Amino acid sequence: AVANPGGFWKSVDSGANWTNPTGLNALGPNSIACSSTCAKIAVPILNGDVYTSTDTGDNWTDRTGSGARFWTDMASSDDGTKLIGTVRFVQNMWQSTDSGV
């Protein structure tokens, strides 16, 4: 789950308990997209890059190739290899077919 400006919060027990596992929160995560198992996660940063995780959010990689944009929303395919994101103030969408790499 993401709550801007509350950051990224994670539950591994269907929401009974939550942890705030990462330094990603200071960047202002704006949305979240994950594979069907949430093993692969993509988090767009408002006025920043997209960050991805392949271990359910324990570790993050800054995908600077995504470009610093006003990312608003993101969606993922079931396997996490395809991502699509929307950008505020720009009437188009951005797509990745390699898990955000």
N, C-alpha and C. Protein backbone atom coordinates (compact mmCIF):
# COMPACT_ATOMS: atom_id res chain seq x y z
N ALA A 1 0.84 -1.19 0.00
CA ALA A 1 0.00 0.00 0.00
C ALA A 1 0.87 1.24 0.00
N VAL A 2 0.37 2.30 -0.54
CA VAL A 2 1.08 3.58 -0.55
C VAL A 2 0.13 4.66 -0.05
N ALA A 3 0.66 5.51 0.80
CA ALA A 3 -0.13 6.65 1.27
C ALA A 3 0.77 7.87 1.23
N ASN A 4 0.62 8.69 0.21
CA ASN A 4 1.45 9.86 0.06
C ASN A 4 0.90 10.95 0.97
N PRO A 5 1.61 11.57 1.88
CA PRO A 5 3.04 11.45 2.06
C PRO A 5 3.45 10.40 3.09
N GLY A 6 2.56 9.51 3.44
CA GLY A 6 2.87 8.50 4.46
C GLY A 6 3.87 7.46 4.02
N GLY A 7 4.12 7.35 2.73
CA GLY A 7 5.13 6.45 2.23
C GLY A 7 4.63 5.07 1.92
N PHE A 8 5.57 4.16 1.82
CA PHE A 8 5.30 2.78 1.44
C PHE A 8 5.15 1.93 2.69
N TRP A 9 4.05 1.21 2.79
CA TRP A 9 3.79 0.32 3.91
C TRP A 9 3.53 -1.07 3.36
N LYS A 10 3.95 -2.09 4.07
CA LYS A 10 3.89 -3.46 3.58
C LYS A 10 3.27 -4.38 4.63
N SER A 11 2.42 -5.29 4.16
CA SER A 11 1.84 -6.31 5.03
C SER A 11 2.04 -7.68 4.38
N VAL A 12 2.43 -8.66 5.16
CA VAL A 12 2.60 -10.02 4.65
C VAL A 12 1.58 -10.97 5.28
N ASP A 13 0.61 -10.40 6.01
CA ASP A 13 -0.40 -11.23 6.67
C ASP A 13 -1.81 -10.68 6.44
N SER A 14 -2.09 -10.35 5.18
CA SER A 14 -3.41 -9.87 4.76
C SER A 14 -3.87 -8.61 5.50
N GLY A 15 -2.93 -7.79 5.92
CA GLY A 15 -3.26 -6.50 6.52
C GLY A 15 -3.39 -6.49 8.02
N ALA A 16 -3.14 -7.62 8.69
CA ALA A 16 -3.23 -7.64 10.16
C ALA A 16 -2.12 -6.79 10.78
N ASN A 17 -0.94 -6.79 10.16
CA ASN A 17 0.20 -6.02 10.66
C ASN A 17 0.86 -5.32 9.47
N TRP A 18 1.43 -4.15 9.72
CA TRP A 18 2.07 -3.36 8.67
C TRP A 18 3.46 -2.93 9.12
N THR A 19 4.40 -2.89 8.15
CA THR A 19 5.75 -2.39 8.40
C THR A 19 6.06 -1.31 7.37
N ASN A 20 7.00 -0.47 7.72
CA ASN A 20 7.45 0.62 6.87
C ASN A 20 8.91 0.31 6.54
N PRO A 21 9.15 -0.57 5.54
CA PRO A 21 10.44 -1.23 5.42
C PRO A 21 11.56 -0.50 4.69
N THR A 22 11.38 0.72 4.23
CA THR A 22 12.37 1.25 3.31
C THR A 22 12.59 2.75 3.42
N GLY A 23 13.71 3.21 2.90
CA GLY A 23 14.01 4.62 2.83
C GLY A 23 13.32 5.30 1.66
N LEU A 24 12.55 4.55 0.91
CA LEU A 24 11.82 5.09 -0.23
C LEU A 24 10.83 6.17 0.20
N ASN A 25 10.39 6.14 1.43
CA ASN A 25 9.34 7.03 1.91
C ASN A 25 9.70 8.50 1.82
N ALA A 26 10.95 8.84 2.02
CA ALA A 26 11.36 10.24 1.98
C ALA A 26 11.19 10.84 0.58
N LEU A 27 11.11 9.98 -0.44
CA LEU A 27 10.99 10.45 -1.81
C LEU A 27 9.56 10.77 -2.22
N GLY A 28 8.59 10.36 -1.44
CA GLY A 28 7.20 10.65 -1.74
C GLY A 28 6.58 9.72 -2.77
N PRO A 29 6.50 8.43 -2.46
CA PRO A 29 5.84 7.52 -3.40
C PRO A 29 4.40 7.94 -3.65
N ASN A 30 3.99 7.85 -4.89
CA ASN A 30 2.70 8.40 -5.28
C ASN A 30 1.67 7.33 -5.59
N SER A 31 2.11 6.14 -5.93
CA SER A 31 1.22 5.08 -6.34
C SER A 31 1.99 3.77 -6.21
N ILE A 32 1.34 2.67 -6.52
CA ILE A 32 2.03 1.38 -6.48
C ILE A 32 1.43 0.47 -7.54
N ALA A 33 2.28 -0.33 -8.14
CA ALA A 33 1.84 -1.36 -9.08
C ALA A 33 2.61 -2.62 -8.74
N CYS A 34 1.93 -3.75 -8.71
CA CYS A 34 2.65 -4.98 -8.41
C CYS A 34 2.13 -6.13 -9.22
N SER A 35 3.00 -7.14 -9.37
CA SER A 35 2.62 -8.38 -10.04
C SER A 35 1.54 -9.07 -9.21
N SER A 36 0.99 -10.15 -9.72
CA SER A 36 -0.11 -10.82 -9.01
C SER A 36 0.31 -11.33 -7.64
N THR A 37 1.59 -11.64 -7.45
CA THR A 37 2.08 -12.11 -6.16
C THR A 37 2.71 -10.98 -5.35
N CYS A 38 2.82 -9.81 -5.94
CA CYS A 38 3.50 -8.64 -5.36
C CYS A 38 4.99 -8.89 -5.10
N ALA A 39 5.55 -9.87 -5.78
CA ALA A 39 7.00 -10.07 -5.71
C ALA A 39 7.70 -8.92 -6.45
N LYS A 40 7.14 -8.52 -7.59
CA LYS A 40 7.67 -7.39 -8.36
C LYS A 40 6.77 -6.20 -8.12
N ILE A 41 7.38 -5.09 -7.69
CA ILE A 41 6.64 -3.87 -7.38
C ILE A 41 7.28 -2.69 -8.10
N ALA A 42 6.45 -1.80 -8.58
CA ALA A 42 6.93 -0.54 -9.16
C ALA A 42 6.24 0.60 -8.43
N VAL A 43 7.03 1.60 -8.04
CA VAL A 43 6.51 2.75 -7.32
C VAL A 43 6.96 4.02 -8.03
N PRO A 44 6.03 4.76 -8.62
CA PRO A 44 6.39 6.04 -9.23
C PRO A 44 6.50 7.13 -8.17
N ILE A 45 7.52 7.93 -8.30
CA ILE A 45 7.75 9.03 -7.36
C ILE A 45 7.26 10.32 -8.02
N LEU A 46 6.39 11.04 -7.35
CA LEU A 46 5.89 12.30 -7.89
C LEU A 46 7.07 13.24 -8.08
N ASN A 47 7.23 13.75 -9.31
CA ASN A 47 8.36 14.61 -9.67
C ASN A 47 9.68 13.89 -9.47
N GLY A 48 9.72 12.60 -9.86
CA GLY A 48 10.94 11.82 -9.73
C GLY A 48 10.92 10.64 -10.67
N ASP A 49 11.74 9.65 -10.36
CA ASP A 49 11.87 8.46 -11.16
C ASP A 49 10.88 7.39 -10.71
N VAL A 50 10.98 6.23 -11.33
CA VAL A 50 10.23 5.05 -10.91
C VAL A 50 11.22 4.14 -10.20
N TYR A 51 10.80 3.59 -9.06
CA TYR A 51 11.62 2.63 -8.32
C TYR A 51 10.97 1.27 -8.42
N THR A 52 11.80 0.22 -8.56
CA THR A 52 11.27 -1.14 -8.64
C THR A 52 11.90 -2.03 -7.59
N SER A 53 11.16 -3.06 -7.23
CA SER A 53 11.63 -4.07 -6.28
C SER A 53 11.27 -5.44 -6.83
N THR A 54 12.15 -6.40 -6.65
CA THR A 54 11.87 -7.78 -7.06
C THR A 54 11.78 -8.71 -5.86
N ASP A 55 11.75 -8.12 -4.65
CA ASP A 55 11.69 -8.94 -3.43
C ASP A 55 10.62 -8.43 -2.47
N THR A 56 9.44 -8.17 -3.00
CA THR A 56 8.28 -7.69 -2.25
C THR A 56 8.51 -6.39 -1.48
N GLY A 57 9.42 -5.57 -1.94
CA GLY A 57 9.61 -4.24 -1.35
C GLY A 57 10.68 -4.14 -0.30
N ASP A 58 11.50 -5.17 -0.14
CA ASP A 58 12.59 -5.08 0.83
C ASP A 58 13.75 -4.24 0.32
N ASN A 59 14.02 -4.30 -0.99
CA ASN A 59 15.10 -3.55 -1.62
C ASN A 59 14.58 -2.89 -2.88
N TRP A 60 15.14 -1.71 -3.21
CA TRP A 60 14.63 -0.91 -4.32
C TRP A 60 15.75 -0.48 -5.26
N THR A 61 15.41 -0.36 -6.56
CA THR A 61 16.33 0.12 -7.57
C THR A 61 15.72 1.34 -8.24
N ASP A 62 16.49 2.42 -8.32
CA ASP A 62 16.05 3.64 -8.99
C ASP A 62 16.20 3.43 -10.49
N ARG A 63 15.11 3.46 -11.20
CA ARG A 63 15.13 3.29 -12.65
C ARG A 63 15.18 4.67 -13.30
N THR A 64 16.39 5.25 -13.31
CA THR A 64 16.57 6.62 -13.80
C THR A 64 16.19 6.74 -15.27
N GLY A 65 16.19 5.64 -16.00
CA GLY A 65 15.78 5.68 -17.40
C GLY A 65 14.32 6.06 -17.56
N SER A 66 13.55 5.93 -16.49
CA SER A 66 12.13 6.30 -16.56
C SER A 66 11.97 7.81 -16.68
N GLY A 67 12.96 8.54 -16.24
CA GLY A 67 12.91 9.99 -16.32
C GLY A 67 12.15 10.61 -15.17
N ALA A 68 12.63 11.74 -14.71
CA ALA A 68 11.95 12.47 -13.63
C ALA A 68 10.73 13.14 -14.22
N ARG A 69 9.57 12.66 -13.82
CA ARG A 69 8.31 13.18 -14.33
C ARG A 69 7.34 13.34 -13.15
N PHE A 70 6.22 13.94 -13.39
CA PHE A 70 5.17 14.01 -12.38
C PHE A 70 4.31 12.75 -12.48
N TRP A 71 4.91 11.60 -12.11
CA TRP A 71 4.20 10.33 -12.17
C TRP A 71 2.99 10.36 -11.24
N THR A 72 1.85 9.90 -11.73
CA THR A 72 0.65 9.88 -10.91
C THR A 72 0.16 8.47 -10.60
N ASP A 73 0.10 7.61 -11.60
CA ASP A 73 -0.40 6.26 -11.40
C ASP A 73 0.43 5.28 -12.21
N MET A 74 0.35 4.01 -11.80
CA MET A 74 1.06 2.96 -12.51
C MET A 74 0.28 1.67 -12.37
N ALA A 75 0.35 0.83 -13.40
CA ALA A 75 -0.30 -0.48 -13.38
C ALA A 75 0.71 -1.51 -13.88
N SER A 76 0.52 -2.76 -13.47
CA SER A 76 1.44 -3.83 -13.81
C SER A 76 0.69 -5.03 -14.38
N SER A 77 1.38 -5.78 -15.23
CA SER A 77 0.83 -7.05 -15.69
C SER A 77 0.95 -8.08 -14.56
N ASP A 78 0.28 -9.21 -14.70
CA ASP A 78 0.31 -10.24 -13.66
C ASP A 78 1.72 -10.70 -13.31
N ASP A 79 2.60 -10.80 -14.33
CA ASP A 79 3.96 -11.28 -14.06
C ASP A 79 4.94 -10.15 -13.74
N GLY A 80 4.48 -8.91 -13.80
CA GLY A 80 5.31 -7.77 -13.43
C GLY A 80 6.27 -7.30 -14.50
N THR A 81 6.21 -7.89 -15.71
CA THR A 81 7.15 -7.48 -16.75
C THR A 81 6.67 -6.27 -17.54
N LYS A 82 5.38 -6.02 -17.54
CA LYS A 82 4.84 -4.88 -18.27
C LYS A 82 4.28 -3.86 -17.29
N LEU A 83 4.72 -2.62 -17.46
CA LEU A 83 4.25 -1.52 -16.61
C LEU A 83 3.73 -0.41 -17.50
N ILE A 84 2.73 0.29 -17.02
CA ILE A 84 2.24 1.46 -17.72
C ILE A 84 1.99 2.54 -16.68
N GLY A 85 2.44 3.75 -16.98
CA GLY A 85 2.32 4.84 -16.02
C GLY A 85 1.76 6.09 -16.66
N THR A 86 1.07 6.87 -15.85
CA THR A 86 0.53 8.14 -16.33
C THR A 86 1.29 9.29 -15.66
N VAL A 87 1.34 10.40 -16.36
CA VAL A 87 2.10 11.56 -15.91
C VAL A 87 1.17 12.76 -15.84
N ARG A 88 1.21 13.48 -14.74
CA ARG A 88 0.40 14.68 -14.55
C ARG A 88 0.85 15.77 -15.53
N PHE A 89 -0.10 16.54 -16.01
CA PHE A 89 0.13 17.67 -16.91
C PHE A 89 0.51 17.26 -18.33
N VAL A 90 0.65 15.97 -18.58
CA VAL A 90 1.00 15.49 -19.92
C VAL A 90 -0.07 14.49 -20.33
N GLN A 91 -0.63 14.65 -21.47
CA GLN A 91 -1.72 13.78 -21.87
C GLN A 91 -1.21 12.58 -22.65
N ASN A 92 -0.43 11.75 -21.98
CA ASN A 92 0.03 10.50 -22.57
C ASN A 92 0.41 9.51 -21.48
N MET A 93 0.74 8.30 -21.89
CA MET A 93 1.15 7.26 -20.96
C MET A 93 2.52 6.75 -21.38
N TRP A 94 3.24 6.20 -20.40
CA TRP A 94 4.56 5.64 -20.64
C TRP A 94 4.47 4.14 -20.35
N GLN A 95 5.22 3.37 -21.13
CA GLN A 95 5.14 1.92 -21.02
C GLN A 95 6.52 1.30 -20.92
N SER A 96 6.63 0.23 -20.15
CA SER A 96 7.84 -0.58 -20.06
C SER A 96 7.46 -2.04 -20.29
N THR A 97 8.28 -2.74 -21.04
CA THR A 97 8.02 -4.15 -21.27
C THR A 97 9.12 -5.02 -20.66
N ASP A 98 9.97 -4.41 -19.81
CA ASP A 98 11.06 -5.16 -19.19
C ASP A 98 11.13 -4.91 -17.69
N SER A 99 10.00 -4.88 -17.04
CA SER A 99 9.90 -4.69 -15.58
C SER A 99 10.46 -3.35 -15.11
N GLY A 100 10.46 -2.36 -15.98
CA GLY A 100 10.91 -1.04 -15.60
C GLY A 100 12.38 -0.80 -15.78
N VAL A 101 13.11 -1.79 -16.28
CA VAL A 101 14.55 -1.64 -16.48
C VAL A 101 14.79 -0.63 -17.57
